[in-house]
Amino acid sequence: HIAPKFFYDARGSRLFERICSTKEYYPTITETAILSAHITA
C-alpha cells in the first residue's frame, strides 16, 4: 500500500482537476450545485 496523499505532485494535482471535470465523477458537479443553491443560507 501507499498513502493517497503522495498522488499530489504537480502533475497528479493537474490530473485530479481533469478527473473532476469528467461526467462520471459526480462529487464535484454535485457538491458545486449544492453550494450554489444554498450559499446564501
Full PDB file with SEQRES, HELIX, SHEET, SSBOND, CRYST1, ORIGX, SCALE, CONECT and MASTER records, all heavy atoms in Angstrom:
SEQRES   1 A   41  HIS ILE ALA PRO LYS PHE PHE TYR ASP ALA ARG GLY SER          
SEQRES   2 A   41  ARG LEU PHE GLU ARG ILE CYS SER THR LYS GLU TYR TYR          
SEQRES   3 A   41  PRO THR ILE THR GLU THR ALA ILE LEU SER ALA HIS ILE          
SEQRES   4 A   41  THR ALA                                                      
HELIX    1 AA1 PRO A    4  PHE A    7  5                                   4    
HELIX    2 AA2 ALA A   10  CYS A   20  1                                  11    
HELIX    3 AA3 TYR A   26  HIS A   38  1                                  13    
CRYST1    1.000    1.000    1.000  90.00  90.00  90.00 P 1           1          
ORIGX1      1.000000  0.000000  0.000000        0.00000                         
ORIGX2      0.000000  1.000000  0.000000        0.00000                         
ORIGX3      0.000000  0.000000  1.000000        0.00000                         
SCALE1      1.000000  0.000000  0.000000        0.00000                         
SCALE2      0.000000  1.000000  0.000000        0.00000                         
SCALE3      0.000000  0.000000  1.000000        0.00000                         
ATOM      1  N   HIS A   1       0.835  -1.190   0.000  1.00  0.00           N  
ATOM      2  CA  HIS A   1       0.000   0.000   0.000  1.00  0.00           C  
ATOM      3  C   HIS A   1       0.875   1.247   0.000  1.00  0.00           C  
ATOM      4  O   HIS A   1       2.031   1.211   0.459  1.00  0.00           O  
ATOM      5  CB  HIS A   1      -0.922   0.016   1.225  1.00  0.00           C  
ATOM      6  CG  HIS A   1      -0.159   0.068   2.526  1.00  0.00           C  
ATOM      7  ND1 HIS A   1       0.276  -1.073   3.171  1.00  0.00           N  
ATOM      8  CD2 HIS A   1       0.269   1.111   3.287  1.00  0.00           C  
ATOM      9  CE1 HIS A   1       0.929  -0.731   4.281  1.00  0.00           C  
ATOM     10  NE2 HIS A   1       0.940   0.586   4.362  1.00  0.00           N  
ATOM     11  N   ILE A   2       0.339   2.344  -0.500  1.00  0.00           N  
ATOM     12  CA  ILE A   2       0.975   3.663  -0.433  1.00  0.00           C  
ATOM     13  C   ILE A   2      -0.134   4.678  -0.178  1.00  0.00           C  
ATOM     14  O   ILE A   2      -1.200   4.617  -0.808  1.00  0.00           O  
ATOM     15  CB  ILE A   2       1.734   4.006  -1.735  1.00  0.00           C  
ATOM     16  CG1 ILE A   2       2.827   2.977  -2.012  1.00  0.00           C  
ATOM     17  CG2 ILE A   2       2.347   5.407  -1.643  1.00  0.00           C  
ATOM     18  CD1 ILE A   2       3.542   3.182  -3.341  1.00  0.00           C  
ATOM     19  N   ALA A   3       0.081   5.612   0.725  1.00  0.00           N  
ATOM     20  CA  ALA A   3      -0.948   6.583   1.110  1.00  0.00           C  
ATOM     21  C   ALA A   3      -1.321   7.484  -0.068  1.00  0.00           C  
ATOM     22  O   ALA A   3      -0.458   7.906  -0.842  1.00  0.00           O  
ATOM     23  CB  ALA A   3      -0.456   7.434   2.274  1.00  0.00           C  
ATOM     24  N   PRO A   4      -2.607   7.814  -0.218  1.00  0.00           N  
ATOM     25  CA  PRO A   4      -3.045   8.622  -1.360  1.00  0.00           C  
ATOM     26  C   PRO A   4      -2.516  10.051  -1.364  1.00  0.00           C  
ATOM     27  O   PRO A   4      -2.531  10.700  -2.410  1.00  0.00           O  
ATOM     28  CB  PRO A   4      -4.571   8.606  -1.241  1.00  0.00           C  
ATOM     29  CG  PRO A   4      -4.851   8.272   0.185  1.00  0.00           C  
ATOM     30  CD  PRO A   4      -3.739   7.371   0.622  1.00  0.00           C  
ATOM     31  N   LYS A   5      -2.027  10.558  -0.238  1.00  0.00           N  
ATOM     32  CA  LYS A   5      -1.507  11.925  -0.251  1.00  0.00           C  
ATOM     33  C   LYS A   5      -0.311  12.068  -1.193  1.00  0.00           C  
ATOM     34  O   LYS A   5      -0.017  13.169  -1.667  1.00  0.00           O  
ATOM     35  CB  LYS A   5      -1.129  12.378   1.161  1.00  0.00           C  
ATOM     36  CG  LYS A   5       0.051  11.649   1.784  1.00  0.00           C  
ATOM     37  CD  LYS A   5       0.296  12.154   3.203  1.00  0.00           C  
ATOM     38  CE  LYS A   5       1.451  11.441   3.881  1.00  0.00           C  
ATOM     39  NZ  LYS A   5       1.650  11.942   5.269  1.00  0.00           N  
ATOM     40  N   PHE A   6       0.347  10.949  -1.514  1.00  0.00           N  
ATOM     41  CA  PHE A   6       1.503  11.022  -2.397  1.00  0.00           C  
ATOM     42  C   PHE A   6       1.115  11.085  -3.874  1.00  0.00           C  
ATOM     43  O   PHE A   6       1.980  11.205  -4.738  1.00  0.00           O  
ATOM     44  CB  PHE A   6       2.444   9.843  -2.124  1.00  0.00           C  
ATOM     45  CG  PHE A   6       3.033   9.879  -0.749  1.00  0.00           C  
ATOM     46  CD1 PHE A   6       2.709   8.907   0.190  1.00  0.00           C  
ATOM     47  CD2 PHE A   6       3.895  10.893  -0.366  1.00  0.00           C  
ATOM     48  CE1 PHE A   6       3.241   8.946   1.471  1.00  0.00           C  
ATOM     49  CE2 PHE A   6       4.428  10.944   0.912  1.00  0.00           C  
ATOM     50  CZ  PHE A   6       4.105   9.965   1.833  1.00  0.00           C  
ATOM     51  N   PHE A   7      -0.172  11.034  -4.184  1.00  0.00           N  
ATOM     52  CA  PHE A   7      -0.630  11.290  -5.546  1.00  0.00           C  
ATOM     53  C   PHE A   7      -0.300  12.710  -5.998  1.00  0.00           C  
ATOM     54  O   PHE A   7      -0.127  12.971  -7.183  1.00  0.00           O  
ATOM     55  CB  PHE A   7      -2.161  11.152  -5.624  1.00  0.00           C  
ATOM     56  CG  PHE A   7      -2.696   9.759  -5.673  1.00  0.00           C  
ATOM     57  CD1 PHE A   7      -3.804   9.422  -4.906  1.00  0.00           C  
ATOM     58  CD2 PHE A   7      -2.151   8.790  -6.500  1.00  0.00           C  
ATOM     59  CE1 PHE A   7      -4.348   8.140  -4.963  1.00  0.00           C  
ATOM     60  CE2 PHE A   7      -2.682   7.512  -6.559  1.00  0.00           C  
ATOM     61  CZ  PHE A   7      -3.780   7.191  -5.787  1.00  0.00           C  
ATOM     62  N   TYR A   8      -0.233  13.636  -5.038  1.00  0.00           N  
ATOM     63  CA  TYR A   8      -0.364  15.044  -5.378  1.00  0.00           C  
ATOM     64  C   TYR A   8       0.966  15.767  -5.567  1.00  0.00           C  
ATOM     65  O   TYR A   8       1.284  16.727  -4.865  1.00  0.00           O  
ATOM     66  CB  TYR A   8      -1.246  15.756  -4.340  1.00  0.00           C  
ATOM     67  CG  TYR A   8      -2.642  15.201  -4.342  1.00  0.00           C  
ATOM     68  CD1 TYR A   8      -3.024  14.227  -3.418  1.00  0.00           C  
ATOM     69  CD2 TYR A   8      -3.550  15.595  -5.306  1.00  0.00           C  
ATOM     70  CE1 TYR A   8      -4.301  13.689  -3.450  1.00  0.00           C  
ATOM     71  CE2 TYR A   8      -4.833  15.056  -5.336  1.00  0.00           C  
ATOM     72  CZ  TYR A   8      -5.201  14.103  -4.409  1.00  0.00           C  
ATOM     73  OH  TYR A   8      -6.460  13.557  -4.444  1.00  0.00           O  
ATOM     74  N   ASP A   9       1.741  15.302  -6.571  1.00  0.00           N  
ATOM     75  CA  ASP A   9       2.782  16.163  -7.094  1.00  0.00           C  
ATOM     76  C   ASP A   9       2.091  17.114  -8.070  1.00  0.00           C  
ATOM     77  O   ASP A   9       0.864  17.135  -8.193  1.00  0.00           O  
ATOM     78  CB  ASP A   9       3.900  15.353  -7.754  1.00  0.00           C  
ATOM     79  CG  ASP A   9       3.433  14.543  -8.947  1.00  0.00           C  
ATOM     80  OD1 ASP A   9       2.206  14.478  -9.217  1.00  0.00           O  
ATOM     81  OD2 ASP A   9       4.295  13.960  -9.639  1.00  0.00           O  
ATOM     82  N   ALA A  10       2.852  17.942  -8.786  1.00  0.00           N  
ATOM     83  CA  ALA A  10       2.219  18.927  -9.664  1.00  0.00           C  
ATOM     84  C   ALA A  10       1.374  18.251 -10.739  1.00  0.00           C  
ATOM     85  O   ALA A  10       0.234  18.661 -11.010  1.00  0.00           O  
ATOM     86  CB  ALA A  10       3.279  19.819 -10.298  1.00  0.00           C  
ATOM     87  N   ARG A  11       1.907  17.178 -11.372  1.00  0.00           N  
ATOM     88  CA  ARG A  11       1.140  16.508 -12.421  1.00  0.00           C  
ATOM     89  C   ARG A  11      -0.073  15.793 -11.833  1.00  0.00           C  
ATOM     90  O   ARG A  11      -1.164  15.831 -12.426  1.00  0.00           O  
ATOM     91  CB  ARG A  11       2.010  15.506 -13.179  1.00  0.00           C  
ATOM     92  CG  ARG A  11       1.266  14.837 -14.337  1.00  0.00           C  
ATOM     93  CD  ARG A  11       2.177  14.025 -15.245  1.00  0.00           C  
ATOM     94  NE  ARG A  11       1.428  13.515 -16.381  1.00  0.00           N  
ATOM     95  CZ  ARG A  11       0.830  12.328 -16.441  1.00  0.00           C  
ATOM     96  NH1 ARG A  11       0.931  11.499 -15.396  1.00  0.00           N  
ATOM     97  NH2 ARG A  11       0.158  11.947 -17.507  1.00  0.00           N  
ATOM     98  N   GLY A  12       0.086  15.159 -10.691  1.00  0.00           N  
ATOM     99  CA  GLY A  12      -1.042  14.493 -10.064  1.00  0.00           C  
ATOM    100  C   GLY A  12      -2.166  15.465  -9.731  1.00  0.00           C  
ATOM    101  O   GLY A  12      -3.345  15.154  -9.917  1.00  0.00           O  
ATOM    102  N   SER A  13      -1.799  16.652  -9.259  1.00  0.00           N  
ATOM    103  CA  SER A  13      -2.809  17.662  -8.940  1.00  0.00           C  
ATOM    104  C   SER A  13      -3.556  18.094 -10.199  1.00  0.00           C  
ATOM    105  O   SER A  13      -4.778  18.281 -10.183  1.00  0.00           O  
ATOM    106  CB  SER A  13      -2.150  18.866  -8.266  1.00  0.00           C  
ATOM    107  OG  SER A  13      -1.597  18.499  -7.017  1.00  0.00           O  
ATOM    108  N   ARG A  14      -2.818  18.262 -11.301  1.00  0.00           N  
ATOM    109  CA  ARG A  14      -3.486  18.637 -12.557  1.00  0.00           C  
ATOM    110  C   ARG A  14      -4.403  17.528 -13.055  1.00  0.00           C  
ATOM    111  O   ARG A  14      -5.510  17.797 -13.536  1.00  0.00           O  
ATOM    112  CB  ARG A  14      -2.438  18.988 -13.618  1.00  0.00           C  
ATOM    113  CG  ARG A  14      -1.695  20.296 -13.356  1.00  0.00           C  
ATOM    114  CD  ARG A  14      -0.895  20.721 -14.565  1.00  0.00           C  
ATOM    115  NE  ARG A  14       0.174  19.790 -14.881  1.00  0.00           N  
ATOM    116  CZ  ARG A  14       1.416  19.875 -14.410  1.00  0.00           C  
ATOM    117  NH1 ARG A  14       1.740  20.863 -13.586  1.00  0.00           N  
ATOM    118  NH2 ARG A  14       2.329  18.994 -14.761  1.00  0.00           N  
ATOM    119  N   LEU A  15      -3.948  16.291 -12.932  1.00  0.00           N  
ATOM    120  CA  LEU A  15      -4.789  15.175 -13.356  1.00  0.00           C  
ATOM    121  C   LEU A  15      -6.065  15.086 -12.508  1.00  0.00           C  
ATOM    122  O   LEU A  15      -7.143  14.769 -13.027  1.00  0.00           O  
ATOM    123  CB  LEU A  15      -4.014  13.859 -13.264  1.00  0.00           C  
ATOM    124  CG  LEU A  15      -3.037  13.585 -14.409  1.00  0.00           C  
ATOM    125  CD1 LEU A  15      -2.121  12.415 -14.052  1.00  0.00           C  
ATOM    126  CD2 LEU A  15      -3.797  13.295 -15.705  1.00  0.00           C  
ATOM    127  N   PHE A  16      -5.938  15.363 -11.220  1.00  0.00           N  
ATOM    128  CA  PHE A  16      -7.135  15.318 -10.382  1.00  0.00           C  
ATOM    129  C   PHE A  16      -8.149  16.367 -10.828  1.00  0.00           C  
ATOM    130  O   PHE A  16      -9.361  16.120 -10.823  1.00  0.00           O  
ATOM    131  CB  PHE A  16      -6.786  15.513  -8.913  1.00  0.00           C  
ATOM    132  CG  PHE A  16      -7.983  15.403  -8.010  1.00  0.00           C  
ATOM    133  CD1 PHE A  16      -8.604  14.179  -7.808  1.00  0.00           C  
ATOM    134  CD2 PHE A  16      -8.516  16.519  -7.395  1.00  0.00           C  
ATOM    135  CE1 PHE A  16      -9.736  14.074  -7.003  1.00  0.00           C  
ATOM    136  CE2 PHE A  16      -9.644  16.425  -6.594  1.00  0.00           C  
ATOM    137  CZ  PHE A  16     -10.248  15.194  -6.402  1.00  0.00           C  
ATOM    138  N   GLU A  17      -7.678  17.537 -11.227  1.00  0.00           N  
ATOM    139  CA  GLU A  17      -8.594  18.555 -11.733  1.00  0.00           C  
ATOM    140  C   GLU A  17      -9.291  18.067 -12.998  1.00  0.00           C  
ATOM    141  O   GLU A  17     -10.475  18.353 -13.210  1.00  0.00           O  
ATOM    142  CB  GLU A  17      -7.848  19.864 -12.004  1.00  0.00           C  
ATOM    143  CG  GLU A  17      -7.228  20.502 -10.762  1.00  0.00           C  
ATOM    144  CD  GLU A  17      -8.219  20.719  -9.630  1.00  0.00           C  
ATOM    145  OE1 GLU A  17      -9.393  21.019  -9.917  1.00  0.00           O  
ATOM    146  OE2 GLU A  17      -7.833  20.572  -8.458  1.00  0.00           O  
ATOM    147  N   ARG A  18      -8.593  17.293 -13.836  1.00  0.00           N  
ATOM    148  CA  ARG A  18      -9.217  16.731 -15.037  1.00  0.00           C  
ATOM    149  C   ARG A  18     -10.274  15.696 -14.649  1.00  0.00           C  
ATOM    150  O   ARG A  18     -11.338  15.627 -15.266  1.00  0.00           O  
ATOM    151  CB  ARG A  18      -8.157  16.082 -15.947  1.00  0.00           C  
ATOM    152  CG  ARG A  18      -7.087  17.030 -16.454  1.00  0.00           C  
ATOM    153  CD  ARG A  18      -7.643  18.093 -17.391  1.00  0.00           C  
ATOM    154  NE  ARG A  18      -8.219  17.556 -18.603  1.00  0.00           N  
ATOM    155  CZ  ARG A  18      -7.532  17.275 -19.720  1.00  0.00           C  
ATOM    156  NH1 ARG A  18      -6.203  17.444 -19.749  1.00  0.00           N  
ATOM    157  NH2 ARG A  18      -8.153  16.837 -20.797  1.00  0.00           N  
ATOM    158  N   ILE A  19      -9.976  14.881 -13.642  1.00  0.00           N  
ATOM    159  CA  ILE A  19     -10.967  13.915 -13.150  1.00  0.00           C  
ATOM    160  C   ILE A  19     -12.253  14.634 -12.742  1.00  0.00           C  
ATOM    161  O   ILE A  19     -13.363  14.202 -13.061  1.00  0.00           O  
ATOM    162  CB  ILE A  19     -10.409  13.118 -11.960  1.00  0.00           C  
ATOM    163  CG1 ILE A  19      -9.267  12.203 -12.401  1.00  0.00           C  
ATOM    164  CG2 ILE A  19     -11.503  12.298 -11.272  1.00  0.00           C  
ATOM    165  CD1 ILE A  19      -8.477  11.600 -11.259  1.00  0.00           C  
ATOM    166  N   CYS A  20     -12.080  15.741 -12.021  1.00  0.00           N  
ATOM    167  CA  CYS A  20     -13.237  16.484 -11.508  1.00  0.00           C  
ATOM    168  C   CYS A  20     -14.104  17.064 -12.624  1.00  0.00           C  
ATOM    169  O   CYS A  20     -15.260  17.434 -12.385  1.00  0.00           O  
ATOM    170  CB  CYS A  20     -12.771  17.597 -10.575  1.00  0.00           C  
ATOM    171  SG  CYS A  20     -12.051  17.000  -9.033  1.00  0.00           S  
ATOM    172  N   SER A  21     -13.566  17.159 -13.838  1.00  0.00           N  
ATOM    173  CA  SER A  21     -14.320  17.718 -14.963  1.00  0.00           C  
ATOM    174  C   SER A  21     -15.057  16.649 -15.764  1.00  0.00           C  
ATOM    175  O   SER A  21     -15.824  16.978 -16.679  1.00  0.00           O  
ATOM    176  CB  SER A  21     -13.378  18.493 -15.893  1.00  0.00           C  
ATOM    177  OG  SER A  21     -12.514  17.603 -16.587  1.00  0.00           O  
ATOM    178  N   THR A  22     -14.848  15.364 -15.439  1.00  0.00           N  
ATOM    179  CA  THR A  22     -15.493  14.306 -16.212  1.00  0.00           C  
ATOM    180  C   THR A  22     -16.964  14.173 -15.822  1.00  0.00           C  
ATOM    181  O   THR A  22     -17.364  14.518 -14.707  1.00  0.00           O  
ATOM    182  CB  THR A  22     -14.793  12.950 -15.987  1.00  0.00           C  
ATOM    183  OG1 THR A  22     -14.914  12.566 -14.614  1.00  0.00           O  
ATOM    184  CG2 THR A  22     -13.318  13.025 -16.376  1.00  0.00           C  
ATOM    185  N   LYS A  23     -17.766  13.649 -16.749  1.00  0.00           N  
ATOM    186  CA  LYS A  23     -19.191  13.462 -16.488  1.00  0.00           C  
ATOM    187  C   LYS A  23     -19.423  12.409 -15.411  1.00  0.00           C  
ATOM    188  O   LYS A  23     -20.371  12.498 -14.636  1.00  0.00           O  
ATOM    189  CB  LYS A  23     -19.900  13.053 -17.775  1.00  0.00           C  
ATOM    190  CG  LYS A  23     -19.959  14.155 -18.830  1.00  0.00           C  
ATOM    191  CD  LYS A  23     -20.697  13.675 -20.069  1.00  0.00           C  
ATOM    192  CE  LYS A  23     -20.764  14.768 -21.128  1.00  0.00           C  
ATOM    193  NZ  LYS A  23     -21.464  14.309 -22.352  1.00  0.00           N  
ATOM    194  N   GLU A  24     -18.567  11.394 -15.384  1.00  0.00           N  
ATOM    195  CA  GLU A  24     -18.769  10.293 -14.446  1.00  0.00           C  
ATOM    196  C   GLU A  24     -18.502  10.688 -12.999  1.00  0.00           C  
ATOM    197  O   GLU A  24     -19.111  10.138 -12.077  1.00  0.00           O  
ATOM    198  CB  GLU A  24     -17.855   9.106 -14.792  1.00  0.00           C  
ATOM    199  CG  GLU A  24     -18.105   8.508 -16.162  1.00  0.00           C  
ATOM    200  CD  GLU A  24     -17.160   9.045 -17.221  1.00  0.00           C  
ATOM    201  OE1 GLU A  24     -16.709  10.210 -17.079  1.00  0.00           O  
ATOM    202  OE2 GLU A  24     -16.864   8.307 -18.167  1.00  0.00           O  
ATOM    203  N   TYR A  25     -17.585  11.654 -12.801  1.00  0.00           N  
ATOM    204  CA  TYR A  25     -17.180  11.984 -11.433  1.00  0.00           C  
ATOM    205  C   TYR A  25     -18.182  12.986 -10.848  1.00  0.00           C  
ATOM    206  O   TYR A  25     -17.974  14.197 -10.858  1.00  0.00           O  
ATOM    207  CB  TYR A  25     -15.758  12.532 -11.407  1.00  0.00           C  
ATOM    208  CG  TYR A  25     -15.163  12.563 -10.012  1.00  0.00           C  
ATOM    209  CD1 TYR A  25     -14.775  11.388  -9.377  1.00  0.00           C  
ATOM    210  CD2 TYR A  25     -15.018  13.764  -9.327  1.00  0.00           C  
ATOM    211  CE1 TYR A  25     -14.258  11.406  -8.098  1.00  0.00           C  
ATOM    212  CE2 TYR A  25     -14.485  13.792  -8.043  1.00  0.00           C  
ATOM    213  CZ  TYR A  25     -14.113  12.615  -7.435  1.00  0.00           C  
ATOM    214  OH  TYR A  25     -13.593  12.633  -6.159  1.00  0.00           O  
ATOM    215  N   TYR A  26     -19.279  12.444 -10.329  1.00  0.00           N  
ATOM    216  CA  TYR A  26     -20.387  13.251  -9.828  1.00  0.00           C  
ATOM    217  C   TYR A  26     -20.056  14.124  -8.613  1.00  0.00           C  
ATOM    218  O   TYR A  26     -20.718  15.158  -8.407  1.00  0.00           O  
ATOM    219  CB  TYR A  26     -21.570  12.335  -9.463  1.00  0.00           C  
ATOM    220  CG  TYR A  26     -21.229  11.419  -8.322  1.00  0.00           C  
ATOM    221  CD1 TYR A  26     -21.400  11.811  -7.001  1.00  0.00           C  
ATOM    222  CD2 TYR A  26     -20.667  10.171  -8.561  1.00  0.00           C  
ATOM    223  CE1 TYR A  26     -21.029  10.984  -5.957  1.00  0.00           C  
ATOM    224  CE2 TYR A  26     -20.295   9.346  -7.524  1.00  0.00           C  
ATOM    225  CZ  TYR A  26     -20.472   9.758  -6.245  1.00  0.00           C  
ATOM    226  OH  TYR A  26     -20.076   8.954  -5.208  1.00  0.00           O  
ATOM    227  N   PRO A  27     -19.078  13.759  -7.719  1.00  0.00           N  
ATOM    228  CA  PRO A  27     -18.927  14.560  -6.497  1.00  0.00           C  
ATOM    229  C   PRO A  27     -18.682  16.045  -6.759  1.00  0.00           C  
ATOM    230  O   PRO A  27     -19.255  16.893  -6.059  1.00  0.00           O  
ATOM    231  CB  PRO A  27     -17.718  13.907  -5.796  1.00  0.00           C  
ATOM    232  CG  PRO A  27     -17.765  12.490  -6.248  1.00  0.00           C  
ATOM    233  CD  PRO A  27     -18.209  12.564  -7.682  1.00  0.00           C  
ATOM    234  N   THR A  28     -17.862  16.376  -7.747  1.00  0.00           N  
ATOM    235  CA  THR A  28     -17.529  17.788  -7.960  1.00  0.00           C  
ATOM    236  C   THR A  28     -18.734  18.579  -8.438  1.00  0.00           C  
ATOM    237  O   THR A  28     -19.082  19.616  -7.856  1.00  0.00           O  
ATOM    238  CB  THR A  28     -16.380  17.907  -8.972  1.00  0.00           C  
ATOM    239  OG1 THR A  28     -15.232  17.254  -8.446  1.00  0.00           O  
ATOM    240  CG2 THR A  28     -16.047  19.375  -9.225  1.00  0.00           C  
ATOM    241  N   ILE A  29     -19.384  18.109  -9.490  1.00  0.00           N  
ATOM    242  CA  ILE A  29     -20.521  18.860 -10.024  1.00  0.00           C  
ATOM    243  C   ILE A  29     -21.682  18.902  -9.031  1.00  0.00           C  
ATOM    244  O   ILE A  29     -22.372  19.913  -8.893  1.00  0.00           O  
ATOM    245  CB  ILE A  29     -20.963  18.283 -11.391  1.00  0.00           C  
ATOM    246  CG1 ILE A  29     -21.985  19.216 -12.037  1.00  0.00           C  
ATOM    247  CG2 ILE A  29     -21.514  16.864 -11.239  1.00  0.00           C  
ATOM    248  CD1 ILE A  29     -22.307  18.838 -13.474  1.00  0.00           C  
ATOM    249  N   THR A  30     -21.864  17.811  -8.282  1.00  0.00           N  
ATOM    250  CA  THR A  30     -22.968  17.759  -7.321  1.00  0.00           C  
ATOM    251  C   THR A  30     -22.710  18.674  -6.135  1.00  0.00           C  
ATOM    252  O   THR A  30     -23.591  19.434  -5.708  1.00  0.00           O  
ATOM    253  CB  THR A  30     -23.199  16.320  -6.843  1.00  0.00           C  
ATOM    254  OG1 THR A  30     -23.383  15.471  -7.979  1.00  0.00           O  
ATOM    255  CG2 THR A  30     -24.422  16.226  -5.946  1.00  0.00           C  
ATOM    256  N   GLU A  31     -21.500  18.621  -5.594  1.00  0.00           N  
ATOM    257  CA  GLU A  31     -21.186  19.492  -4.458  1.00  0.00           C  
ATOM    258  C   GLU A  31     -21.249  20.953  -4.867  1.00  0.00           C  
ATOM    259  O   GLU A  31     -21.758  21.800  -4.113  1.00  0.00           O  
ATOM    260  CB  GLU A  31     -19.805  19.153  -3.902  1.00  0.00           C  
ATOM    261  CG  GLU A  31     -19.455  19.979  -2.662  1.00  0.00           C  
ATOM    262  CD  GLU A  31     -18.097  19.624  -2.092  1.00  0.00           C  
ATOM    263  OE1 GLU A  31     -17.185  19.338  -2.903  1.00  0.00           O  
ATOM    264  OE2 GLU A  31     -17.950  19.626  -0.860  1.00  0.00           O  
ATOM    265  N   THR A  32     -20.742  21.279  -6.053  1.00  0.00           N  
ATOM    266  CA  THR A  32     -20.796  22.663  -6.530  1.00  0.00           C  
ATOM    267  C   THR A  32     -22.240  23.132  -6.663  1.00  0.00           C  
ATOM    268  O   THR A  32     -22.576  24.273  -6.307  1.00  0.00           O  
ATOM    269  CB  THR A  32     -20.065  22.791  -7.873  1.00  0.00           C  
ATOM    270  OG1 THR A  32     -18.705  22.378  -7.708  1.00  0.00           O  
ATOM    271  CG2 THR A  32     -20.087  24.230  -8.374  1.00  0.00           C  
ATOM    272  N   ALA A  33     -23.118  22.248  -7.162  1.00  0.00           N  
ATOM    273  CA  ALA A  33     -24.531  22.606  -7.298  1.00  0.00           C  
ATOM    274  C   ALA A  33     -25.176  22.834  -5.927  1.00  0.00           C  
ATOM    275  O   ALA A  33     -25.984  23.761  -5.754  1.00  0.00           O  
ATOM    276  CB  ALA A  33     -25.275  21.514  -8.060  1.00  0.00           C  
ATOM    277  N   ILE A  34     -24.831  22.005  -4.952  1.00  0.00           N  
ATOM    278  CA  ILE A  34     -25.365  22.181  -3.596  1.00  0.00           C  
ATOM    279  C   ILE A  34     -24.916  23.530  -3.028  1.00  0.00           C  
ATOM    280  O   ILE A  34     -25.730  24.295  -2.485  1.00  0.00           O  
ATOM    281  CB  ILE A  34     -24.911  21.032  -2.675  1.00  0.00           C  
ATOM    282  CG1 ILE A  34     -25.524  19.708  -3.120  1.00  0.00           C  
ATOM    283  CG2 ILE A  34     -25.278  21.324  -1.217  1.00  0.00           C  
ATOM    284  CD1 ILE A  34     -24.915  18.499  -2.434  1.00  0.00           C  
ATOM    285  N   LEU A  35     -23.632  23.817  -3.153  1.00  0.00           N  
ATOM    286  CA  LEU A  35     -23.118  25.089  -2.635  1.00  0.00           C  
ATOM    287  C   LEU A  35     -23.782  26.270  -3.340  1.00  0.00           C  
ATOM    288  O   LEU A  35     -24.168  27.262  -2.699  1.00  0.00           O  
ATOM    289  CB  LEU A  35     -21.601  25.146  -2.807  1.00  0.00           C  
ATOM    290  CG  LEU A  35     -20.785  24.206  -1.915  1.00  0.00           C  
ATOM    291  CD1 LEU A  35     -19.327  24.189  -2.355  1.00  0.00           C  
ATOM    292  CD2 LEU A  35     -20.882  24.620  -0.449  1.00  0.00           C  
ATOM    293  N   SER A  36     -23.923  26.186  -4.657  1.00  0.00           N  
ATOM    294  CA  SER A  36     -24.534  27.284  -5.409  1.00  0.00           C  
ATOM    295  C   SER A  36     -25.977  27.505  -4.997  1.00  0.00           C  
ATOM    296  O   SER A  36     -26.434  28.651  -4.848  1.00  0.00           O  
ATOM    297  CB  SER A  36     -24.465  26.987  -6.908  1.00  0.00           C  
ATOM    298  OG  SER A  36     -23.126  26.892  -7.361  1.00  0.00           O  
ATOM    299  N   ALA A  37     -26.711  26.417  -4.786  1.00  0.00           N  
ATOM    300  CA  ALA A  37     -28.139  26.529  -4.451  1.00  0.00           C  
ATOM    301  C   ALA A  37     -28.370  27.073  -3.047  1.00  0.00           C  
ATOM    302  O   ALA A  37     -29.386  27.734  -2.787  1.00  0.00           O  
ATOM    303  CB  ALA A  37     -28.811  25.167  -4.604  1.00  0.00           C  
ATOM    304  N   HIS A  38     -27.451  26.799  -2.136  1.00  0.00           N  
ATOM    305  CA  HIS A  38     -27.690  27.122  -0.719  1.00  0.00           C  
ATOM    306  C   HIS A  38     -26.681  28.118  -0.148  1.00  0.00           C  
ATOM    307  O   HIS A  38     -26.639  28.288   1.078  1.00  0.00           O  
ATOM    308  CB  HIS A  38     -27.654  25.828   0.105  1.00  0.00           C  
ATOM    309  CG  HIS A  38     -28.679  24.823  -0.318  1.00  0.00           C  
ATOM    310  ND1 HIS A  38     -30.020  24.948  -0.014  1.00  0.00           N  
ATOM    311  CD2 HIS A  38     -28.567  23.671  -1.034  1.00  0.00           C  
ATOM    312  CE1 HIS A  38     -30.687  23.919  -0.523  1.00  0.00           C  
ATOM    313  NE2 HIS A  38     -29.829  23.132  -1.142  1.00  0.00           N  
ATOM    314  N   ILE A  39     -25.894  28.755  -0.997  1.00  0.00           N  
ATOM    315  CA  ILE A  39     -24.788  29.566  -0.486  1.00  0.00           C  
ATOM    316  C   ILE A  39     -25.269  30.733   0.377  1.00  0.00           C  
ATOM    317  O   ILE A  39     -24.603  31.100   1.349  1.00  0.00           O  
ATOM    318  CB  ILE A  39     -23.893  30.063  -1.647  1.00  0.00           C  
ATOM    319  CG1 ILE A  39     -22.553  30.557  -1.106  1.00  0.00           C  
ATOM    320  CG2 ILE A  39     -24.606  31.117  -2.479  1.00  0.00           C  
ATOM    321  CD1 ILE A  39     -21.720  29.499  -0.447  1.00  0.00           C  
ATOM    322  N   THR A  40     -26.417  31.301   0.064  1.00  0.00           N  
ATOM    323  CA  THR A  40     -26.920  32.415   0.878  1.00  0.00           C  
ATOM    324  C   THR A  40     -27.254  31.933   2.288  1.00  0.00           C  
ATOM    325  O   THR A  40     -26.894  32.597   3.293  1.00  0.00           O  
ATOM    326  CB  THR A  40     -28.163  33.043   0.225  1.00  0.00           C  
ATOM    327  OG1 THR A  40     -27.815  33.529  -1.080  1.00  0.00           O  
ATOM    328  CG2 THR A  40     -28.685  34.201   1.070  1.00  0.00           C  
ATOM    329  N   ALA A  41     -27.918  30.799   2.394  1.00  0.00           N  
ATOM    330  CA  ALA A  41     -28.249  30.253   3.714  1.00  0.00           C  
ATOM    331  C   ALA A  41     -26.990  29.841   4.464  1.00  0.00           C  
ATOM    332  O   ALA A  41     -26.880  30.038   5.684  1.00  0.00           O  
ATOM    333  CB  ALA A  41     -29.185  29.059   3.556  1.00  0.00           C  
TER     334      ALA A  41                                                      
MASTER        0    0    0    3    0    0    0    6  333    1    0    4          
END                                                                             
